């Protein structure tokens, strides 16, 4: 799949406004891909442990964002603990799209329409650069984990498996 240029998204606009250095990695998304994150890692030639997916969870009292490697899964119990919530379950996809302003497969933890409590898996700190969705399918952004945590006002915790 060929890479292609991209226009701004709320995520890139938020990063630019915050003065955060980032790289854009656009590619032609395959609509038949079963995993958006693993597709990005493969097409961009990146280790799946370095590419992170954005998941929206429901704590029963509100929504929150989890950022975990595409190579693994989210530990919902650990996510609830990190949020100091009684429980966490995956949010309804329509609610995730409404809250974030992004489409499924393109939800970025950055520049969401409504900022939510965010938890980034501690494995992000193993890398100088991590990759997250840029706000649409076929666009990933590379930035330092420190900047990701800062721009999303995230907590760092062991939430991945």
C-alpha atoms as a PDB file:
ATOM      1  CA  UNK A   1       0.000   0.000   0.000  1.00  0.00           C
ATOM      2  CA  UNK A   2       1.359   3.367  -0.949  1.00  0.00           C
ATOM      3  CA  UNK A   3       1.770   6.178   1.531  1.00  0.00           C
ATOM      4  CA  UNK A   4      -0.087   9.359   0.738  1.00  0.00           C
ATOM      5  CA  UNK A   5      -0.065  12.937   1.968  1.00  0.00           C
ATOM      6  CA  UNK A   6      -2.638  14.019   4.492  1.00  0.00           C
ATOM      7  CA  UNK A   7      -4.470  17.119   5.545  1.00  0.00           C
ATOM      8  CA  UNK A   8      -4.925  18.290   9.106  1.00  0.00           C
ATOM      9  CA  UNK A   9      -7.079  16.444  11.611  1.00  0.00           C
ATOM     10  CA  UNK A  10      -8.097  17.590  15.090  1.00  0.00           C
ATOM     11  CA  UNK A  11      -5.167  15.494  16.394  1.00  0.00           C
ATOM     12  CA  UNK A  12      -2.543  17.169  14.190  1.00  0.00           C
ATOM     13  CA  UNK A  13      -4.050  20.593  14.875  1.00  0.00           C
ATOM     14  CA  UNK A  14      -3.902  19.960  18.658  1.00  0.00           C
ATOM     15  CA  UNK A  15      -0.274  18.812  18.471  1.00  0.00           C
ATOM     16  CA  UNK A  16       0.753  21.790  16.352  1.00  0.00           C
ATOM     17  CA  UNK A  17      -1.072  24.193  18.688  1.00  0.00           C
ATOM     18  CA  UNK A  18       0.736  22.651  21.676  1.00  0.00           C
ATOM     19  CA  UNK A  19       4.099  22.980  19.928  1.00  0.00           C
ATOM     20  CA  UNK A  20       4.702  19.233  20.062  1.00  0.00           C
ATOM     21  CA  UNK A  21       6.985  17.634  17.473  1.00  0.00           C
ATOM     22  CA  UNK A  22       5.372  14.752  15.612  1.00  0.00           C
ATOM     23  CA  UNK A  23       5.594  12.878  12.330  1.00  0.00           C
ATOM     24  CA  UNK A  24       2.710  11.900  10.072  1.00  0.00           C
ATOM     25  CA  UNK A  25       2.556   8.459   8.487  1.00  0.00           C
ATOM     26  CA  UNK A  26      -0.246   8.165   5.946  1.00  0.00           C
ATOM     27  CA  UNK A  27      -1.087   5.022   4.034  1.00  0.00           C
ATOM     28  CA  UNK A  28      -3.922   3.610   1.946  1.00  0.00           C
ATOM     29  CA  UNK A  29      -6.197   1.840   4.419  1.00  0.00           C
ATOM     30  CA  UNK A  30      -7.499  -1.564   3.337  1.00  0.00           C
ATOM     31  CA  UNK A  31     -11.228  -1.668   4.188  1.00  0.00           C
ATOM     32  CA  UNK A  32     -11.007  -5.456   4.588  1.00  0.00           C
ATOM     33  CA  UNK A  33      -8.333  -5.245   7.311  1.00  0.00           C
ATOM     34  CA  UNK A  34      -9.504  -6.994  10.497  1.00  0.00           C
ATOM     35  CA  UNK A  35      -7.292  -4.941  12.842  1.00  0.00           C
ATOM     36  CA  UNK A  36      -6.689  -1.275  12.087  1.00  0.00           C
ATOM     37  CA  UNK A  37      -3.681  -1.102  14.418  1.00  0.00           C
ATOM     38  CA  UNK A  38      -1.973  -4.244  13.168  1.00  0.00           C
ATOM     39  CA  UNK A  39      -2.571  -3.039   9.609  1.00  0.00           C
ATOM     40  CA  UNK A  40      -0.806   0.239  10.442  1.00  0.00           C
ATOM     41  CA  UNK A  41       2.148  -1.561  12.019  1.00  0.00           C
ATOM     42  CA  UNK A  42       2.521  -3.881   9.042  1.00  0.00           C
ATOM     43  CA  UNK A  43       2.136  -1.229   6.328  1.00  0.00           C
ATOM     44  CA  UNK A  44       4.431   1.225   8.080  1.00  0.00           C
ATOM     45  CA  UNK A  45       7.002  -1.476   8.919  1.00  0.00           C
ATOM     46  CA  UNK A  46       6.809  -0.866  12.657  1.00  0.00           C
ATOM     47  CA  UNK A  47       6.918  -3.327  15.568  1.00  0.00           C
ATOM     48  CA  UNK A  48       3.332  -3.872  16.804  1.00  0.00           C
ATOM     49  CA  UNK A  49       4.511  -3.197  20.377  1.00  0.00           C
ATOM     50  CA  UNK A  50       5.374   0.379  19.335  1.00  0.00           C
ATOM     51  CA  UNK A  51       2.007   1.114  17.667  1.00  0.00           C
ATOM     52  CA  UNK A  52      -0.797   1.935  20.095  1.00  0.00           C
ATOM     53  CA  UNK A  53      -4.561   1.669  19.713  1.00  0.00           C
ATOM     54  CA  UNK A  54      -7.086   3.986  21.285  1.00  0.00           C
ATOM     55  CA  UNK A  55      -9.996   2.326  23.060  1.00  0.00           C
ATOM     56  CA  UNK A  56     -12.935   4.061  24.708  1.00  0.00           C
ATOM     57  CA  UNK A  57     -14.281   2.477  27.885  1.00  0.00           C
ATOM     58  CA  UNK A  58     -17.363   3.067  29.988  1.00  0.00           C
ATOM     59  CA  UNK A  59     -16.925   3.162  33.765  1.00  0.00           C
ATOM     60  CA  UNK A  60     -20.629   3.394  34.510  1.00  0.00           C
ATOM     61  CA  UNK A  61     -20.140   7.022  35.531  1.00  0.00           C
ATOM     62  CA  UNK A  62     -18.584   8.201  32.267  1.00  0.00           C
ATOM     63  CA  UNK A  63     -16.294   7.413  29.378  1.00  0.00           C
ATOM     64  CA  UNK A  64     -12.490   7.213  29.448  1.00  0.00           C
ATOM     65  CA  UNK A  65      -9.705   6.482  26.970  1.00  0.00           C
ATOM     66  CA  UNK A  66      -7.187   3.628  27.088  1.00  0.00           C
ATOM     67  CA  UNK A  67      -4.058   3.662  24.922  1.00  0.00           C
ATOM     68  CA  UNK A  68      -2.477   0.207  24.608  1.00  0.00           C
ATOM     69  CA  UNK A  69      -0.178  -1.596  22.132  1.00  0.00           C
ATOM     70  CA  UNK A  70      -1.950  -3.059  19.109  1.00  0.00           C
ATOM     71  CA  UNK A  71      -0.094  -6.322  19.766  1.00  0.00           C
ATOM     72  CA  UNK A  72      -2.045  -6.890  22.998  1.00  0.00           C
ATOM     73  CA  UNK A  73      -5.353  -6.293  24.685  1.00  0.00           C
ATOM     74  CA  UNK A  74      -6.722  -3.986  27.338  1.00  0.00           C
ATOM     75  CA  UNK A  75      -6.997  -5.328  30.878  1.00  0.00           C
ATOM     76  CA  UNK A  76     -10.356  -3.827  31.866  1.00  0.00           C
ATOM     77  CA  UNK A  77      -9.834  -4.531  35.564  1.00  0.00           C
ATOM     78  CA  UNK A  78      -6.476  -2.730  35.517  1.00  0.00           C
ATOM     79  CA  UNK A  79      -8.082   0.132  33.591  1.00  0.00           C
ATOM     80  CA  UNK A  80     -10.792   0.476  36.240  1.00  0.00           C
ATOM     81  CA  UNK A  81      -8.121   0.489  38.953  1.00  0.00           C
ATOM     82  CA  UNK A  82      -6.118   3.174  37.126  1.00  0.00           C
ATOM     83  CA  UNK A  83      -9.253   5.306  36.881  1.00  0.00           C
ATOM     84  CA  UNK A  84     -10.270   4.578  40.487  1.00  0.00           C
ATOM     85  CA  UNK A  85     -13.553   3.247  39.139  1.00  0.00           C
ATOM     86  CA  UNK A  86     -15.521   0.213  40.283  1.00  0.00           C
ATOM     87  CA  UNK A  87     -15.540  -1.254  36.800  1.00  0.00           C
ATOM     88  CA  UNK A  88     -14.732  -0.627  33.157  1.00  0.00           C
ATOM     89  CA  UNK A  89     -16.237  -2.149  30.034  1.00  0.00           C
ATOM     90  CA  UNK A  90     -15.828  -1.364  26.377  1.00  0.00           C
ATOM     91  CA  UNK A  91     -17.958   1.639  25.416  1.00  0.00           C
ATOM     92  CA  UNK A  92     -20.710   1.402  22.857  1.00  0.00           C
ATOM     93  CA  UNK A  93     -19.059   2.126  19.471  1.00  0.00           C
ATOM     94  CA  UNK A  94     -21.586   4.862  18.652  1.00  0.00           C
ATOM     95  CA  UNK A  95     -20.910   6.546  22.009  1.00  0.00           C
ATOM     96  CA  UNK A  96     -17.145   6.361  21.366  1.00  0.00           C
ATOM     97  CA  UNK A  97     -17.560   8.007  17.976  1.00  0.00           C
ATOM     98  CA  UNK A  98     -19.896  10.715  19.313  1.00  0.00           C
ATOM     99  CA  UNK A  99     -17.647  11.539  22.244  1.00  0.00           C
ATOM    100  CA  UNK A 100     -14.357  11.552  20.324  1.00  0.00           C
ATOM    101  CA  UNK A 101     -15.534  13.078  17.058  1.00  0.00           C
ATOM    102  CA  UNK A 102     -13.627  10.360  15.206  1.00  0.00           C
ATOM    103  CA  UNK A 103     -14.723   7.219  13.321  1.00  0.00           C
ATOM    104  CA  UNK A 104     -13.925   3.727  14.607  1.00  0.00           C
ATOM    105  CA  UNK A 105     -10.500   2.679  13.421  1.00  0.00           C
ATOM    106  CA  UNK A 106      -9.456   6.320  13.373  1.00  0.00           C
ATOM    107  CA  UNK A 107     -10.039   7.359  16.983  1.00  0.00           C
ATOM    108  CA  UNK A 108      -7.025   9.283  18.193  1.00  0.00           C
ATOM    109  CA  UNK A 109      -6.305   9.872  21.861  1.00  0.00           C
ATOM    110  CA  UNK A 110      -5.330  13.426  20.822  1.00  0.00           C
ATOM    111  CA  UNK A 111      -7.710  16.221  19.864  1.00  0.00           C
ATOM    112  CA  UNK A 112     -10.905  14.493  20.885  1.00  0.00           C
ATOM    113  CA  UNK A 113     -14.078  16.534  20.661  1.00  0.00           C
ATOM    114  CA  UNK A 114     -14.665  16.011  24.375  1.00  0.00           C
ATOM    115  CA  UNK A 115     -11.513  15.412  26.455  1.00  0.00           C
ATOM    116  CA  UNK A 116     -11.835  12.277  28.590  1.00  0.00           C
ATOM    117  CA  UNK A 117      -9.734  10.791  31.388  1.00  0.00           C
ATOM    118  CA  UNK A 118      -6.936   8.959  29.576  1.00  0.00           C
ATOM    119  CA  UNK A 119      -4.615   6.139  30.627  1.00  0.00           C
ATOM    120  CA  UNK A 120      -1.552   5.211  28.557  1.00  0.00           C
ATOM    121  CA  UNK A 121      -0.051   1.754  29.046  1.00  0.00           C
ATOM    122  CA  UNK A 122       3.324   1.939  30.775  1.00  0.00           C
ATOM    123  CA  UNK A 123       4.970  -0.016  27.948  1.00  0.00           C
ATOM    124  CA  UNK A 124       4.926   3.230  25.921  1.00  0.00           C
ATOM    125  CA  UNK A 125       7.806   4.432  28.087  1.00  0.00           C
ATOM    126  CA  UNK A 126      10.050   1.727  26.571  1.00  0.00           C
ATOM    127  CA  UNK A 127      10.210   3.667  23.289  1.00  0.00           C
ATOM    128  CA  UNK A 128      11.597   7.031  22.194  1.00  0.00           C
ATOM    129  CA  UNK A 129       8.681   7.300  19.737  1.00  0.00           C
ATOM    130  CA  UNK A 130       5.235   5.703  19.819  1.00  0.00           C
ATOM    131  CA  UNK A 131       2.612   5.699  17.076  1.00  0.00           C
ATOM    132  CA  UNK A 132      -1.089   6.434  17.562  1.00  0.00           C
ATOM    133  CA  UNK A 133      -4.001   7.058  15.228  1.00  0.00           C
ATOM    134  CA  UNK A 134      -3.906  10.474  13.643  1.00  0.00           C
ATOM    135  CA  UNK A 135      -7.660  10.900  13.612  1.00  0.00           C
ATOM    136  CA  UNK A 136      -8.655   8.954  10.540  1.00  0.00           C
ATOM    137  CA  UNK A 137      -8.154   5.501   9.107  1.00  0.00           C
ATOM    138  CA  UNK A 138      -4.862   5.358   7.253  1.00  0.00           C
ATOM    139  CA  UNK A 139      -3.011   7.954   9.326  1.00  0.00           C
ATOM    140  CA  UNK A 140      -0.708   7.363  12.268  1.00  0.00           C
ATOM    141  CA  UNK A 141       1.290   9.946  14.181  1.00  0.00           C
ATOM    142  CA  UNK A 142       4.694   9.389  15.746  1.00  0.00           C
ATOM    143  CA  UNK A 143       5.563  11.293  18.920  1.00  0.00           C
ATOM    144  CA  UNK A 144       7.405  10.810  22.171  1.00  0.00           C
ATOM    145  CA  UNK A 145       5.493   9.000  24.920  1.00  0.00           C
ATOM    146  CA  UNK A 146       6.196  11.950  27.220  1.00  0.00           C
ATOM    147  CA  UNK A 147       4.484  14.305  24.771  1.00  0.00           C
ATOM    148  CA  UNK A 148       1.578  11.869  24.307  1.00  0.00           C
ATOM    149  CA  UNK A 149       1.005  11.805  28.067  1.00  0.00           C
ATOM    150  CA  UNK A 150       1.322  15.589  28.307  1.00  0.00           C
ATOM    151  CA  UNK A 151      -1.016  16.466  25.435  1.00  0.00           C
ATOM    152  CA  UNK A 152      -3.715  14.049  26.634  1.00  0.00           C
ATOM    153  CA  UNK A 153      -3.171  14.808  30.339  1.00  0.00           C
ATOM    154  CA  UNK A 154      -2.921  11.045  30.777  1.00  0.00           C
ATOM    155  CA  UNK A 155      -2.076   8.766  33.648  1.00  0.00           C
ATOM    156  CA  UNK A 156       0.507   6.056  32.943  1.00  0.00           C
ATOM    157  CA  UNK A 157      -0.346   2.598  34.277  1.00  0.00           C
ATOM    158  CA  UNK A 158       0.030  -1.115  33.515  1.00  0.00           C
ATOM    159  CA  UNK A 159      -3.259  -1.623  31.621  1.00  0.00           C
ATOM    160  CA  UNK A 160      -2.174  -3.875  28.752  1.00  0.00           C
ATOM    161  CA  UNK A 161      -1.906  -7.647  28.518  1.00  0.00           C
END
